[in-house]
Protein backbone atom coordinates (compact mmCIF):
# COMPACT_ATOMS: atom_id res chain seq x y z
CA UNK A 1 48.17 -30.74 -42.30
CA UNK A 2 45.30 -30.01 -39.91
CA UNK A 3 45.48 -27.17 -37.49
CA UNK A 4 46.09 -28.24 -33.94
CA UNK A 5 43.11 -27.81 -31.67
CA UNK A 6 43.35 -25.20 -28.98
CA UNK A 7 42.80 -26.41 -25.45
CA UNK A 8 39.56 -25.25 -23.83
CA UNK A 9 39.88 -22.84 -20.92
CA UNK A 10 39.50 -24.37 -17.48
CA UNK A 11 40.17 -27.93 -16.39
CA UNK A 12 40.63 -30.53 -19.09
CA UNK A 13 37.47 -32.42 -20.10
CA UNK A 14 36.91 -35.77 -18.47
CA UNK A 15 35.17 -37.23 -21.50
CA UNK A 16 36.89 -37.48 -24.86
CA UNK A 17 35.43 -36.43 -28.19
CA UNK A 18 35.02 -39.90 -29.68
CA UNK A 19 31.72 -40.95 -31.14
CA UNK A 20 29.36 -42.99 -29.01
CA UNK A 21 29.07 -46.50 -30.37
CA UNK A 22 25.33 -46.56 -31.05
CA UNK A 23 23.81 -43.10 -31.33
CA UNK A 24 26.48 -41.37 -33.35
CA UNK A 25 26.46 -38.25 -31.12
CA UNK A 26 29.55 -37.10 -29.35
CA UNK A 27 29.80 -38.18 -25.73
CA UNK A 28 30.56 -34.60 -24.60
CA UNK A 29 27.33 -33.28 -26.12
CA UNK A 30 25.32 -35.96 -24.33
CA UNK A 31 27.06 -35.04 -21.08
CA UNK A 32 26.13 -31.36 -21.51
CA UNK A 33 22.49 -32.29 -22.14
CA UNK A 34 22.39 -34.43 -19.00
CA UNK A 35 23.98 -31.63 -16.96
CA UNK A 36 21.40 -29.12 -18.28
CA UNK A 37 18.44 -31.42 -17.51
CA UNK A 38 19.65 -32.29 -14.02
CA UNK A 39 20.74 -28.73 -13.14
CA UNK A 40 18.98 -26.01 -11.18
CA UNK A 41 17.72 -23.89 -14.07
CA UNK A 42 14.12 -23.67 -12.81
CA UNK A 43 14.97 -22.96 -9.17
CA UNK A 44 14.73 -19.19 -9.61
CA UNK A 45 11.28 -19.46 -11.19
CA UNK A 46 10.01 -21.65 -8.36
CA UNK A 47 11.42 -19.30 -5.72
CA UNK A 48 9.83 -16.33 -7.50
CA UNK A 49 6.46 -18.12 -7.60
CA UNK A 50 6.67 -18.79 -3.85
CA UNK A 51 7.71 -15.25 -2.83
CA UNK A 52 5.46 -13.22 -5.18
CA UNK A 53 2.14 -13.72 -3.28
CA UNK A 54 3.75 -12.61 -0.02
CA UNK A 55 5.23 -9.53 -1.65
CA UNK A 56 1.91 -8.61 -3.28
CA UNK A 57 0.07 -9.02 0.03
CA UNK A 58 2.62 -6.74 1.67
CA UNK A 59 2.30 -4.16 -1.13
CA UNK A 60 -1.51 -4.06 -1.00
CA UNK A 61 -1.41 -3.84 2.80
CA UNK A 62 0.88 -0.82 2.62
CA UNK A 63 -1.40 0.87 0.07
CA UNK A 64 -4.56 0.22 2.15
CA UNK A 65 -2.92 1.45 5.35
CA UNK A 66 -1.63 4.62 3.68
CA UNK A 67 -5.09 5.39 2.27
CA UNK A 68 -6.63 5.03 5.74
CA UNK A 69 -3.96 7.27 7.29
CA UNK A 70 -4.49 9.89 4.60
CA UNK A 71 -8.25 9.85 5.24
CA UNK A 72 -7.62 10.20 8.99
CA UNK A 73 -5.38 13.24 8.44
CA UNK A 74 -8.00 14.80 6.16
CA UNK A 75 -10.73 14.22 8.77
CA UNK A 76 -8.65 15.87 11.48
CA UNK A 77 -7.96 18.85 9.24
CA UNK A 78 -11.65 19.22 8.30
CA UNK A 79 -12.70 19.01 11.95
CA UNK A 80 -10.17 21.69 12.90
CA UNK A 81 -11.44 23.96 10.13
CA UNK A 82 -15.06 23.46 11.23
CA UNK A 83 -14.19 24.17 14.88
CA UNK A 84 -12.36 27.34 13.89
CA UNK A 85 -15.32 28.51 11.77
CA UNK A 86 -17.81 27.75 14.58
CA UNK A 87 -15.67 29.56 17.15
CA UNK A 88 -15.44 32.69 14.97
CA UNK A 89 -18.87 32.86 13.29
CA UNK A 90 -21.10 31.07 15.83
CA UNK A 91 -22.98 29.38 12.97
CA UNK A 92 -23.35 25.58 12.81
CA UNK A 93 -24.27 25.66 9.10
CA UNK A 94 -21.10 27.54 8.19
CA UNK A 95 -19.04 25.16 10.36
CA UNK A 96 -20.46 22.13 8.55
CA UNK A 97 -19.88 23.80 5.18
CA UNK A 98 -16.27 24.55 6.17
CA UNK A 99 -15.75 20.89 7.06
CA UNK A 100 -17.25 19.75 3.76
CA UNK A 101 -15.05 22.19 1.82
CA UNK A 102 -11.93 20.95 3.62
CA UNK A 103 -12.64 17.23 3.24
CA UNK A 104 -10.93 16.79 -0.12
CA UNK A 105 -12.23 13.69 -1.90
CA UNK A 106 -13.98 12.14 1.13
CA UNK A 107 -17.40 13.69 0.27
CA UNK A 108 -18.63 14.10 3.84
CA UNK A 109 -22.33 14.43 4.48
CA UNK A 110 -23.73 17.02 6.88
CA UNK A 111 -25.03 14.22 9.11
CA UNK A 112 -21.52 12.91 9.70
CA UNK A 113 -20.45 16.23 11.28
CA UNK A 114 -21.42 16.90 14.92
CA UNK A 115 -20.89 20.33 16.46
CA UNK A 116 -21.26 20.77 20.25
CA UNK A 117 -22.43 23.10 21.69
CA UNK A 118 -24.83 24.32 19.04
CA UNK A 119 -24.11 27.95 19.89
CA UNK A 120 -21.33 29.96 21.46
CA UNK A 121 -23.58 32.96 22.23
CA UNK A 122 -23.25 34.00 25.84
CA UNK A 123 -20.57 31.40 26.47
CA UNK A 124 -17.70 32.08 28.80
CA UNK A 125 -14.26 32.61 27.33
CA UNK A 126 -13.22 29.16 28.54
CA UNK A 127 -16.06 27.22 26.88
CA UNK A 128 -14.90 24.98 24.06
CA UNK A 129 -16.64 24.09 20.82
CA UNK A 130 -16.01 20.51 19.73
CA UNK A 131 -16.45 19.15 16.20
CA UNK A 132 -16.54 15.39 15.62
CA UNK A 133 -16.61 13.88 12.13
CA UNK A 134 -17.37 10.18 11.51
CA UNK A 135 -16.26 8.50 8.28
CA UNK A 136 -16.24 4.91 7.03
CA UNK A 137 -13.11 4.07 5.01
CA UNK A 138 -13.70 1.25 2.51
CA UNK A 139 -10.81 -1.02 1.59
CA UNK A 140 -10.50 -1.71 -2.12
CA UNK A 141 -8.48 -4.94 -2.14
CA UNK A 142 -10.21 -6.79 0.69
CA UNK A 143 -6.89 -8.38 1.68
CA UNK A 144 -6.80 -6.74 5.10
CA UNK A 145 -9.52 -9.04 6.42
CA UNK A 146 -12.10 -6.28 6.78
CA UNK A 147 -14.17 -4.50 4.18
CA UNK A 148 -14.06 -1.12 5.97
CA UNK A 149 -12.97 0.73 9.11
CA UNK A 150 -14.61 3.61 10.98
CA UNK A 151 -12.45 6.72 11.32
CA UNK A 152 -13.07 9.75 13.54
CA UNK A 153 -11.73 13.27 13.27
CA UNK A 154 -12.11 15.50 16.33
CA UNK A 155 -11.10 19.09 17.06
CA UNK A 156 -11.84 21.61 19.83
CA UNK A 157 -11.42 25.40 20.03
CA UNK A 158 -12.40 28.07 22.49
CA UNK A 159 -15.62 29.95 21.72
CA UNK A 160 -14.93 33.43 20.39
CA UNK A 161 -11.55 32.47 18.95
């Protein structure tokens, strides 16, 4: 005596298990193959392929923008340090050296740093020394539409501290 077959979970199958007349394969197996071929198995891959370029563009844009903002903050800090040094020491060379020491990885040149006025000697207590630093930020990915952007850091302090 053969064991009785257990019913499959879910709704009863619409196709019986008899052999197809020509091919010799069960009709149910052929139905599963047709369902697999006509299904939506590749839809996730296509959606991923469509969304990935947009997400990468967004990611690189965020990285480029954050690098530019970091460079701008560093320039402002270096300009403030140079203005403070000029106000206290009254020496343009020391002010430029202070800016170059505070620039981090930007590697500022002395020509990019402008100090006005050139001296605080004999200045009134209300005269201000202004330091302006120019820097060109290069974009690494080139996805922003520009190869570089000019950044400026500016600071002012009263002569004599």
